[in-house]
N, C-alpha and C. Protein backbone atom coordinates (compact mmCIF):
# COMPACT_ATOMS: atom_id res chain seq x y z
N MET A 1 -0.86 -17.51 8.01
CA MET A 1 -0.14 -16.76 6.89
C MET A 1 0.08 -15.34 7.51
N LYS A 2 1.40 -14.84 7.22
CA LYS A 2 1.61 -13.46 7.77
C LYS A 2 2.08 -12.65 6.73
N TRP A 3 1.86 -11.12 6.81
CA TRP A 3 2.43 -10.51 5.91
C TRP A 3 3.72 -9.80 5.90
N TYR A 4 4.28 -9.87 4.80
CA TYR A 4 5.65 -9.17 4.81
C TYR A 4 6.00 -8.47 3.73
N ALA A 5 6.94 -7.34 3.84
CA ALA A 5 7.47 -6.47 2.78
C ALA A 5 8.69 -6.89 2.08
N LEU A 6 8.80 -6.46 0.77
CA LEU A 6 9.66 -7.00 -0.17
C LEU A 6 10.56 -5.60 -0.55
N PHE A 7 11.41 -5.30 -0.15
CA PHE A 7 12.11 -3.97 -0.78
C PHE A 7 12.83 -4.31 -1.97
N VAL A 8 12.56 -3.54 -3.05
CA VAL A 8 12.93 -3.85 -4.37
C VAL A 8 13.50 -2.50 -5.23
N GLU A 9 14.11 -2.62 -6.22
CA GLU A 9 14.56 -1.12 -6.78
C GLU A 9 13.33 -0.47 -7.41
N SER A 10 13.06 0.70 -7.25
CA SER A 10 11.71 1.39 -7.51
C SER A 10 11.63 1.34 -8.85
N GLY A 11 10.49 1.19 -9.41
CA GLY A 11 10.02 0.81 -10.96
C GLY A 11 10.16 -0.71 -11.39
N LYS A 12 10.73 -1.30 -10.44
CA LYS A 12 10.89 -2.82 -10.66
C LYS A 12 9.90 -3.70 -9.97
N GLU A 13 8.80 -3.25 -9.45
CA GLU A 13 7.89 -3.82 -8.37
C GLU A 13 6.80 -4.82 -9.21
N GLU A 14 6.24 -4.22 -10.62
CA GLU A 14 5.61 -5.37 -11.26
C GLU A 14 6.36 -6.53 -11.81
N THR A 15 7.69 -6.16 -12.04
CA THR A 15 8.64 -7.38 -12.48
C THR A 15 8.89 -8.34 -11.45
N VAL A 16 9.00 -8.13 -10.26
CA VAL A 16 9.28 -8.95 -9.14
C VAL A 16 7.84 -9.62 -8.84
N GLN A 17 6.68 -8.54 -8.79
CA GLN A 17 5.68 -9.56 -8.57
C GLN A 17 5.30 -10.49 -9.71
N LYS A 18 5.78 -10.36 -10.84
CA LYS A 18 5.41 -11.43 -11.72
C LYS A 18 6.22 -12.49 -11.84
N PHE A 19 7.61 -12.21 -11.17
CA PHE A 19 8.32 -13.38 -10.78
C PHE A 19 7.77 -14.30 -9.62
N LEU A 20 7.32 -13.49 -8.53
CA LEU A 20 6.71 -14.14 -7.48
C LEU A 20 5.58 -14.95 -8.00
N ARG A 21 4.69 -14.25 -8.37
CA ARG A 21 3.64 -15.31 -9.22
C ARG A 21 4.00 -16.27 -10.08
N LEU A 22 5.07 -16.52 -10.81
CA LEU A 22 5.72 -17.59 -11.39
C LEU A 22 6.19 -18.84 -10.42
N GLN A 23 6.87 -18.15 -9.36
CA GLN A 23 7.50 -19.18 -8.65
C GLN A 23 6.45 -19.79 -7.58
N PHE A 24 5.37 -19.40 -6.95
CA PHE A 24 4.34 -19.70 -6.26
C PHE A 24 2.94 -19.62 -6.71
N ASP A 25 2.06 -20.50 -6.25
CA ASP A 25 0.76 -20.38 -6.55
C ASP A 25 0.16 -19.44 -5.45
N GLU A 26 -1.11 -18.75 -5.88
CA GLU A 26 -1.36 -17.98 -5.11
C GLU A 26 -1.95 -18.25 -3.43
N GLN A 27 -2.32 -19.47 -3.45
CA GLN A 27 -2.40 -20.14 -1.96
C GLN A 27 -1.31 -20.00 -1.40
N ALA A 28 -0.14 -20.11 -1.65
CA ALA A 28 1.54 -20.20 -0.98
C ALA A 28 1.76 -18.76 -0.78
N LEU A 29 1.46 -18.01 -1.76
CA LEU A 29 2.36 -16.35 -1.58
C LEU A 29 1.08 -15.65 -2.31
N TYR A 30 0.97 -14.71 -1.71
CA TYR A 30 -0.29 -14.00 -2.48
C TYR A 30 0.36 -12.25 -2.49
N SER A 31 0.55 -11.87 -3.36
CA SER A 31 1.39 -10.53 -3.47
C SER A 31 0.51 -9.30 -3.83
N ILE A 32 0.71 -8.27 -3.38
CA ILE A 32 0.42 -6.91 -4.08
C ILE A 32 1.38 -5.79 -4.03
N ILE A 33 0.90 -4.76 -5.00
CA ILE A 33 1.60 -3.53 -5.09
C ILE A 33 0.43 -2.53 -5.03
N PRO A 34 0.16 -2.08 -3.41
CA PRO A 34 -1.04 -0.81 -3.12
C PRO A 34 -0.71 0.40 -4.52
N LYS A 35 -1.64 0.66 -5.16
CA LYS A 35 -1.61 1.78 -5.78
C LYS A 35 -2.72 2.91 -5.59
N LYS A 36 -2.58 4.04 -6.05
CA LYS A 36 -3.65 5.08 -6.07
C LYS A 36 -4.23 5.68 -7.17
N LYS A 37 -5.40 5.99 -7.46
CA LYS A 37 -5.72 6.84 -8.67
C LYS A 37 -5.58 8.41 -8.19
N VAL A 38 -4.80 9.13 -9.07
CA VAL A 38 -4.70 10.68 -8.61
C VAL A 38 -5.17 11.33 -10.04
N THR A 39 -5.55 12.57 -9.88
CA THR A 39 -5.96 13.48 -10.83
C THR A 39 -4.59 14.30 -11.00
N GLU A 40 -3.70 14.27 -12.32
CA GLU A 40 -2.89 15.08 -12.39
C GLU A 40 -2.86 16.29 -13.62
N ARG A 41 -2.22 17.36 -13.67
CA ARG A 41 -2.15 18.36 -14.71
C ARG A 41 -0.94 18.18 -15.23
N LYS A 42 -0.93 18.49 -16.83
CA LYS A 42 0.27 18.45 -17.51
C LYS A 42 0.16 19.57 -18.80
N ALA A 43 0.45 20.62 -18.74
CA ALA A 43 0.35 21.54 -19.95
C ALA A 43 -1.08 22.03 -19.86
N GLY A 44 -1.73 22.06 -18.62
CA GLY A 44 -2.99 22.62 -18.23
C GLY A 44 -4.11 21.37 -18.63
N ILE A 45 -3.69 20.23 -18.97
CA ILE A 45 -4.86 19.19 -19.21
C ILE A 45 -4.71 18.34 -18.05
N LYS A 46 -5.95 18.11 -17.53
CA LYS A 46 -5.95 16.94 -16.36
C LYS A 46 -6.02 15.67 -16.83
N TYR A 47 -5.66 14.80 -16.07
CA TYR A 47 -5.57 13.14 -16.34
C TYR A 47 -5.67 12.30 -15.40
N GLU A 48 -6.06 11.20 -15.39
CA GLU A 48 -6.03 10.25 -14.33
C GLU A 48 -4.64 9.46 -14.68
N ALA A 49 -3.88 9.51 -13.39
CA ALA A 49 -2.65 8.64 -13.24
C ALA A 49 -2.84 7.66 -12.12
N LEU A 50 -2.08 6.43 -12.13
CA LEU A 50 -1.89 5.40 -11.23
C LEU A 50 -0.63 5.27 -10.82
N LYS A 51 -0.47 5.93 -9.51
CA LYS A 51 0.76 5.64 -8.53
C LYS A 51 0.91 4.69 -7.67
N LYS A 52 2.31 4.15 -7.19
CA LYS A 52 2.27 3.51 -6.17
C LYS A 52 2.07 4.36 -4.93
N MET A 53 1.45 3.33 -3.89
CA MET A 53 1.26 4.11 -2.50
C MET A 53 3.06 4.13 -1.90
N PHE A 54 3.42 3.07 -1.83
CA PHE A 54 4.91 2.67 -1.32
C PHE A 54 5.88 2.46 -2.35
N PRO A 55 6.30 3.46 -3.33
CA PRO A 55 7.23 2.95 -4.23
C PRO A 55 8.54 2.07 -3.77
N GLY A 56 8.89 1.11 -4.32
CA GLY A 56 9.89 0.39 -3.87
C GLY A 56 9.64 -0.57 -2.83
N TYR A 57 8.56 -0.94 -2.49
CA TYR A 57 7.81 -2.21 -2.16
C TYR A 57 6.86 -2.97 -2.59
N VAL A 58 6.85 -4.27 -2.45
CA VAL A 58 5.96 -5.39 -2.71
C VAL A 58 5.61 -5.98 -1.47
N LEU A 59 4.29 -5.99 -0.98
CA LEU A 59 3.84 -6.63 0.13
C LEU A 59 3.18 -8.27 -0.28
N PHE A 60 3.56 -8.98 0.47
CA PHE A 60 3.19 -10.37 0.37
C PHE A 60 2.66 -11.10 1.36
N LYS A 61 1.89 -12.16 1.39
CA LYS A 61 1.29 -12.88 2.40
C LYS A 61 1.65 -14.28 2.37
N THR A 62 2.26 -14.96 3.18
CA THR A 62 2.79 -16.04 3.13
C THR A 62 3.22 -16.79 4.19
N LYS A 63 3.23 -18.26 4.61
CA LYS A 63 3.97 -18.65 5.81
C LYS A 63 5.41 -18.88 5.32
N MET A 64 6.13 -18.21 5.83
CA MET A 64 7.57 -18.06 5.76
C MET A 64 8.06 -19.24 6.14
N THR A 65 8.81 -19.84 5.45
CA THR A 65 9.54 -21.11 5.70
C THR A 65 11.00 -20.78 5.11
N GLU A 66 12.11 -21.86 5.36
CA GLU A 66 13.57 -21.56 4.84
C GLU A 66 13.42 -21.76 3.24
N ARG A 67 12.62 -22.67 2.85
CA ARG A 67 12.38 -22.97 1.53
C ARG A 67 11.69 -21.60 0.47
N THR A 68 10.60 -20.91 1.07
CA THR A 68 10.08 -19.73 0.64
C THR A 68 10.88 -18.72 0.69
N PHE A 69 11.80 -18.66 1.57
CA PHE A 69 13.11 -17.57 1.82
C PHE A 69 13.86 -17.74 0.73
N HIS A 70 14.32 -19.09 0.47
CA HIS A 70 15.34 -19.05 -0.38
C HIS A 70 14.73 -19.02 -1.98
N LYS A 71 13.54 -19.33 -2.23
CA LYS A 71 12.83 -19.12 -3.36
C LYS A 71 12.94 -17.48 -3.69
N ILE A 72 12.61 -16.82 -2.72
CA ILE A 72 12.46 -15.54 -2.94
C ILE A 72 13.79 -14.94 -3.07
N LYS A 73 14.74 -15.21 -2.53
CA LYS A 73 16.11 -14.61 -2.82
C LYS A 73 16.73 -15.21 -4.33
N GLU A 74 16.37 -16.20 -4.74
CA GLU A 74 16.72 -16.65 -5.91
C GLU A 74 16.11 -15.95 -7.17
N LEU A 75 15.28 -14.88 -6.72
CA LEU A 75 14.76 -14.11 -7.92
C LEU A 75 15.84 -13.33 -8.65
N PRO A 76 15.84 -13.12 -10.05
CA PRO A 76 16.73 -12.31 -10.72
C PRO A 76 16.99 -11.03 -10.53
N ILE A 77 15.97 -10.55 -9.70
CA ILE A 77 16.07 -9.25 -9.64
C ILE A 77 16.40 -8.80 -7.93
N SER A 78 17.41 -7.75 -7.83
CA SER A 78 17.73 -7.32 -6.67
C SER A 78 16.92 -6.93 -5.77
N CYS A 79 16.44 -7.67 -4.53
CA CYS A 79 15.45 -7.39 -3.51
C CYS A 79 15.61 -7.83 -2.45
N ARG A 80 15.01 -7.66 -1.33
CA ARG A 80 15.44 -8.22 0.16
C ARG A 80 14.20 -8.03 0.85
N ILE A 81 14.00 -9.00 1.57
CA ILE A 81 12.92 -8.95 2.56
C ILE A 81 13.04 -7.93 3.80
N VAL A 82 12.23 -7.05 4.29
CA VAL A 82 12.74 -5.96 5.10
C VAL A 82 12.40 -6.64 6.51
N ASN A 83 13.35 -6.13 7.26
CA ASN A 83 13.97 -6.44 8.32
C ASN A 83 13.74 -5.25 9.63
N ASN A 84 13.25 -4.97 10.30
CA ASN A 84 13.20 -3.82 11.35
C ASN A 84 14.63 -4.12 12.50
N GLY A 85 15.32 -4.94 12.50
CA GLY A 85 16.43 -4.96 13.08
C GLY A 85 16.36 -6.33 13.77
N ALA A 86 15.29 -7.00 13.71
CA ALA A 86 15.05 -7.94 14.40
C ALA A 86 15.96 -9.24 14.27
N TYR A 87 16.42 -9.55 15.54
CA TYR A 87 17.18 -11.08 15.22
C TYR A 87 16.50 -12.11 15.11
N TYR A 88 17.22 -13.14 15.13
CA TYR A 88 16.34 -14.57 15.18
C TYR A 88 16.09 -14.88 16.36
N SER A 89 14.90 -15.46 16.58
CA SER A 89 14.27 -15.57 17.55
C SER A 89 13.65 -16.88 18.20
N LYS A 90 14.16 -17.78 18.74
CA LYS A 90 13.60 -19.53 18.55
C LYS A 90 12.16 -19.67 18.97
N GLU A 91 11.46 -18.20 19.81
CA GLU A 91 10.57 -18.15 19.89
C GLU A 91 9.45 -18.05 18.96
N ARG A 92 10.18 -16.88 18.05
CA ARG A 92 9.14 -16.61 16.84
C ARG A 92 9.46 -17.20 15.58
N LYS A 93 10.68 -18.01 15.78
CA LYS A 93 11.48 -18.70 14.61
C LYS A 93 11.49 -18.12 13.02
N THR A 94 11.79 -16.67 13.17
CA THR A 94 11.93 -16.03 12.04
C THR A 94 13.01 -14.91 12.07
N TYR A 95 13.46 -14.47 11.17
CA TYR A 95 14.47 -13.27 11.11
C TYR A 95 13.74 -12.31 10.44
N PHE A 96 12.58 -12.23 10.11
CA PHE A 96 11.88 -11.19 9.27
C PHE A 96 10.58 -10.58 10.11
N THR A 97 10.61 -9.51 9.88
CA THR A 97 9.96 -8.51 10.61
C THR A 97 8.52 -8.73 9.93
N THR A 98 7.32 -9.36 10.59
CA THR A 98 5.93 -9.30 9.76
C THR A 98 5.31 -7.91 9.93
N ILE A 99 4.49 -7.50 8.92
CA ILE A 99 3.77 -6.40 9.04
C ILE A 99 2.40 -6.84 9.84
N LYS A 100 2.65 -5.77 11.06
CA LYS A 100 1.52 -5.99 11.87
C LYS A 100 -0.14 -5.83 11.20
N ASP A 101 -1.07 -6.56 11.88
CA ASP A 101 -2.53 -6.68 11.40
C ASP A 101 -2.81 -5.07 11.48
N GLU A 102 -2.89 -4.23 12.52
CA GLU A 102 -3.31 -2.81 12.73
C GLU A 102 -2.55 -2.19 11.56
N GLU A 103 -1.30 -2.54 10.96
CA GLU A 103 -0.96 -1.74 9.72
C GLU A 103 -1.32 -2.03 8.57
N ILE A 104 -1.50 -3.15 8.43
CA ILE A 104 -1.86 -3.80 7.10
C ILE A 104 -3.24 -3.77 6.75
N LEU A 105 -4.04 -4.06 7.56
CA LEU A 105 -5.66 -4.11 7.69
C LEU A 105 -6.11 -2.45 6.98
N PRO A 106 -5.62 -1.49 7.48
CA PRO A 106 -6.46 -0.22 6.68
C PRO A 106 -5.74 -0.05 5.06
N ILE A 107 -4.51 -0.73 5.03
CA ILE A 107 -4.19 -0.60 3.65
C ILE A 107 -5.05 -1.53 2.57
N ILE A 108 -5.46 -2.89 3.22
CA ILE A 108 -6.12 -3.66 2.59
C ILE A 108 -7.73 -3.02 2.25
N ARG A 109 -8.20 -2.50 3.46
CA ARG A 109 -9.50 -1.86 3.43
C ARG A 109 -9.48 -0.86 2.54
N LEU A 110 -8.34 -0.24 2.43
CA LEU A 110 -8.39 0.86 0.95
C LEU A 110 -8.29 0.36 -0.08
N ILE A 111 -7.73 -0.57 -0.49
CA ILE A 111 -7.57 -1.21 -1.86
C ILE A 111 -8.71 -1.68 -2.28
N GLY A 112 -9.36 -2.63 -1.19
CA GLY A 112 -10.64 -3.39 -1.15
C GLY A 112 -10.07 -4.58 -2.42
N GLU A 113 -11.09 -4.86 -3.16
CA GLU A 113 -10.64 -6.43 -4.12
C GLU A 113 -9.30 -6.25 -4.84
N GLY A 114 -9.25 -4.90 -5.42
CA GLY A 114 -7.99 -4.79 -6.31
C GLY A 114 -6.85 -4.77 -5.75
N ASP A 115 -6.27 -3.69 -6.31
CA ASP A 115 -4.94 -3.40 -5.39
C ASP A 115 -4.78 -1.94 -5.57
N THR A 116 -6.01 -1.16 -5.98
CA THR A 116 -5.89 0.31 -6.27
C THR A 116 -6.78 0.76 -5.44
N VAL A 117 -6.41 2.11 -4.77
CA VAL A 117 -7.33 2.95 -3.89
C VAL A 117 -8.00 3.87 -4.88
N ASP A 118 -9.35 3.86 -5.11
CA ASP A 118 -10.38 4.67 -5.87
C ASP A 118 -10.23 5.99 -5.24
N TYR A 119 -11.09 6.84 -6.37
CA TYR A 119 -11.60 8.34 -5.56
C TYR A 119 -12.70 8.08 -4.33
N SER A 120 -12.55 8.87 -3.68
CA SER A 120 -13.48 9.03 -2.47
C SER A 120 -14.20 10.28 -2.81
N LYS A 121 -15.41 10.40 -2.59
CA LYS A 121 -16.34 11.55 -2.64
C LYS A 121 -16.46 12.14 -1.17
N VAL A 122 -15.83 13.35 -1.12
CA VAL A 122 -15.85 14.12 0.36
C VAL A 122 -16.53 15.41 0.25
N TYR A 123 -17.16 15.71 1.12
CA TYR A 123 -17.82 17.16 1.51
C TYR A 123 -16.80 17.59 2.64
N ILE A 124 -16.78 19.23 2.36
CA ILE A 124 -15.91 20.07 3.19
C ILE A 124 -16.97 21.30 3.43
N GLU A 125 -17.26 21.25 5.21
CA GLU A 125 -18.22 22.24 5.37
C GLU A 125 -17.38 22.60 7.10
N ASN A 126 -17.45 24.12 6.65
CA ASN A 126 -16.39 24.67 8.32
C ASN A 126 -15.37 23.62 8.74
N SER A 127 -14.36 23.66 7.76
CA SER A 127 -13.29 22.76 7.91
C SER A 127 -13.54 21.43 8.20
N LYS A 128 -14.44 20.71 8.51
CA LYS A 128 -14.70 19.43 9.01
C LYS A 128 -14.91 18.59 7.48
N VAL A 129 -14.46 17.50 7.22
CA VAL A 129 -14.39 16.60 6.40
C VAL A 129 -15.49 15.37 6.65
N THR A 130 -16.03 15.24 5.32
CA THR A 130 -17.26 14.21 5.41
C THR A 130 -16.81 13.26 4.39
N VAL A 131 -16.84 12.15 4.46
CA VAL A 131 -16.39 11.38 3.20
C VAL A 131 -17.82 10.69 2.99
N ALA A 132 -18.52 10.99 1.79
CA ALA A 132 -19.72 10.54 1.33
C ALA A 132 -19.72 9.36 0.85
N SER A 133 -18.85 8.70 0.24
CA SER A 133 -18.32 7.68 -0.42
C SER A 133 -17.08 7.22 -0.78
N GLY A 134 -16.82 5.83 -1.23
CA GLY A 134 -15.18 5.58 -1.51
C GLY A 134 -14.54 4.89 -0.25
N PRO A 135 -13.36 4.51 -0.57
CA PRO A 135 -12.44 3.71 0.23
C PRO A 135 -12.13 4.48 1.49
N LEU A 136 -12.20 5.89 1.71
CA LEU A 136 -11.85 6.61 3.02
C LEU A 136 -13.01 6.63 3.66
N LYS A 137 -14.33 6.17 3.18
CA LYS A 137 -15.68 6.04 4.31
C LYS A 137 -15.44 5.49 5.60
N GLY A 138 -15.71 6.13 6.55
CA GLY A 138 -15.41 5.88 7.67
C GLY A 138 -13.98 5.66 8.55
N MET A 139 -13.09 6.36 7.71
CA MET A 139 -11.67 6.52 8.00
C MET A 139 -11.20 7.82 7.97
N GLU A 140 -12.37 8.92 8.36
CA GLU A 140 -11.94 10.30 8.18
C GLU A 140 -11.14 10.57 9.30
N GLY A 141 -10.40 9.60 10.18
CA GLY A 141 -9.51 10.33 11.42
C GLY A 141 -8.14 10.42 10.77
N ILE A 142 -7.96 9.46 9.78
CA ILE A 142 -6.66 9.25 8.95
C ILE A 142 -6.17 10.50 7.95
N ILE A 143 -7.50 11.36 7.70
CA ILE A 143 -7.44 12.11 6.72
C ILE A 143 -6.61 13.54 7.68
N LYS A 144 -5.65 14.01 7.08
CA LYS A 144 -4.76 14.80 7.84
C LYS A 144 -5.02 16.50 7.13
N LYS A 145 -5.05 16.28 5.61
CA LYS A 145 -5.12 17.67 4.77
C LYS A 145 -5.85 17.41 3.63
N ILE A 146 -6.59 18.37 3.11
CA ILE A 146 -7.32 18.26 1.71
C ILE A 146 -6.63 19.28 0.84
N ASP A 147 -6.19 19.18 -0.32
CA ASP A 147 -5.93 19.95 -1.51
C ASP A 147 -7.08 19.82 -2.64
N LYS A 148 -7.81 20.98 -2.35
CA LYS A 148 -9.08 20.70 -3.27
C LYS A 148 -8.71 21.13 -4.38
N ARG A 149 -7.58 21.90 -5.17
CA ARG A 149 -7.06 22.20 -6.39
C ARG A 149 -6.62 21.16 -7.21
N LYS A 150 -5.79 20.43 -6.32
CA LYS A 150 -5.23 18.98 -6.60
C LYS A 150 -6.23 17.67 -6.80
N ARG A 151 -6.90 17.97 -5.86
CA ARG A 151 -7.82 16.89 -5.64
C ARG A 151 -7.33 15.64 -4.87
N ARG A 152 -6.85 16.03 -3.95
CA ARG A 152 -5.94 14.87 -3.37
C ARG A 152 -6.45 15.35 -1.38
N ALA A 153 -6.18 14.06 -0.72
CA ALA A 153 -6.34 14.05 0.47
C ALA A 153 -5.12 13.50 1.06
N LYS A 154 -4.37 14.20 1.86
CA LYS A 154 -3.30 13.46 2.69
C LYS A 154 -3.52 12.67 3.78
N ILE A 155 -3.21 11.54 3.59
CA ILE A 155 -3.71 10.40 4.66
C ILE A 155 -2.22 10.00 5.63
N CYS A 156 -2.74 9.64 6.49
CA CYS A 156 -1.52 9.31 7.82
C CYS A 156 -1.76 7.40 7.51
N LEU A 157 -0.73 6.99 7.20
CA LEU A 157 -0.74 4.95 7.42
C LEU A 157 0.16 4.56 7.97
N SER A 158 0.49 3.83 9.08
CA SER A 158 1.37 3.35 10.01
C SER A 158 1.89 2.18 9.02
N PHE A 159 3.19 2.18 8.53
CA PHE A 159 3.79 0.93 7.74
C PHE A 159 5.10 0.98 8.23
N MET A 160 5.46 -0.39 8.70
CA MET A 160 6.36 -1.05 8.94
C MET A 160 7.13 -0.29 10.40
N GLY A 161 6.14 0.23 11.27
CA GLY A 161 6.75 0.97 12.67
C GLY A 161 6.69 2.55 12.30
N LEU A 162 6.47 3.05 10.88
CA LEU A 162 6.41 4.40 10.68
C LEU A 162 5.18 4.96 10.19
N ASP A 163 5.06 6.28 10.64
CA ASP A 163 3.92 6.64 10.10
C ASP A 163 4.44 7.45 8.79
N LYS A 164 3.67 6.87 7.71
CA LYS A 164 3.52 7.51 6.29
C LYS A 164 2.75 8.47 5.85
N MET A 165 2.77 9.55 5.14
CA MET A 165 1.90 10.30 4.48
C MET A 165 1.83 9.95 3.25
N VAL A 166 0.36 9.79 2.87
CA VAL A 166 0.34 9.17 1.46
C VAL A 166 -0.87 10.17 0.70
N ASN A 167 -0.64 10.68 -0.49
CA ASN A 167 -1.58 11.31 -0.86
C ASN A 167 -2.52 10.51 -1.75
N VAL A 168 -3.98 10.48 -1.86
CA VAL A 168 -4.93 9.81 -2.49
C VAL A 168 -5.57 10.77 -3.06
N GLY A 169 -6.26 10.23 -4.35
CA GLY A 169 -7.40 11.00 -5.04
C GLY A 169 -8.57 11.16 -4.56
N ILE A 170 -9.10 12.46 -4.43
CA ILE A 170 -10.76 12.52 -4.05
C ILE A 170 -11.49 13.29 -5.05
N GLU A 171 -12.69 13.60 -5.15
CA GLU A 171 -13.86 14.32 -5.48
C GLU A 171 -14.28 14.88 -4.67
N VAL A 172 -14.24 16.59 -4.50
CA VAL A 172 -14.75 17.60 -3.76
C VAL A 172 -16.00 17.59 -4.17
N LEU A 173 -17.11 17.33 -3.59
CA LEU A 173 -18.49 17.57 -3.84
C LEU A 173 -19.02 18.97 -3.18
N SER A 174 -19.82 19.36 -3.86
CA SER A 174 -20.85 20.77 -3.31
C SER A 174 -21.46 20.45 -1.92
N LYS A 175 -22.00 21.26 -1.29
CA LYS A 175 -22.69 20.87 -0.11
C LYS A 175 -23.84 19.52 -0.72
N PRO A 176 -24.07 18.99 0.27
CA PRO A 176 -25.44 17.85 -0.04
C PRO A 176 -26.68 18.49 0.14
């Protein structure tokens, strides 16, 4: 089974995922919408918000067959399987671009068991970031920028052949 991306109208990701779960059992097609917890401020009040990491995308893992493709195309919401301009190949027997393992594995590692990236606890000492705990532990190399005031880390993830900058929530700790 390989990973694919479904491009949908922004804001309709959950609806598409619900239709996919109605059409397929979890062994035939497994879908996720990666989300992140971030702290936001409105009128001076801090609150926790749940945002999508890749708005407009539903990621799914399946063994792509003609039957699977047509069932996805029959969904009542406008969506399309992402293709990087690849043409049909007899060797690969597919029209669609799969998400490479080196691109999907960091995303799966970040979201863990569910589909949400939780807060990571970080220390900042002499411009060096150390992750004490959380999903970013051991992945310090993908952190590009820290915003202490907004409590966010900007990380670089490779997705569908492009480098995407994604903000994730962090908790900045005082020195250990």
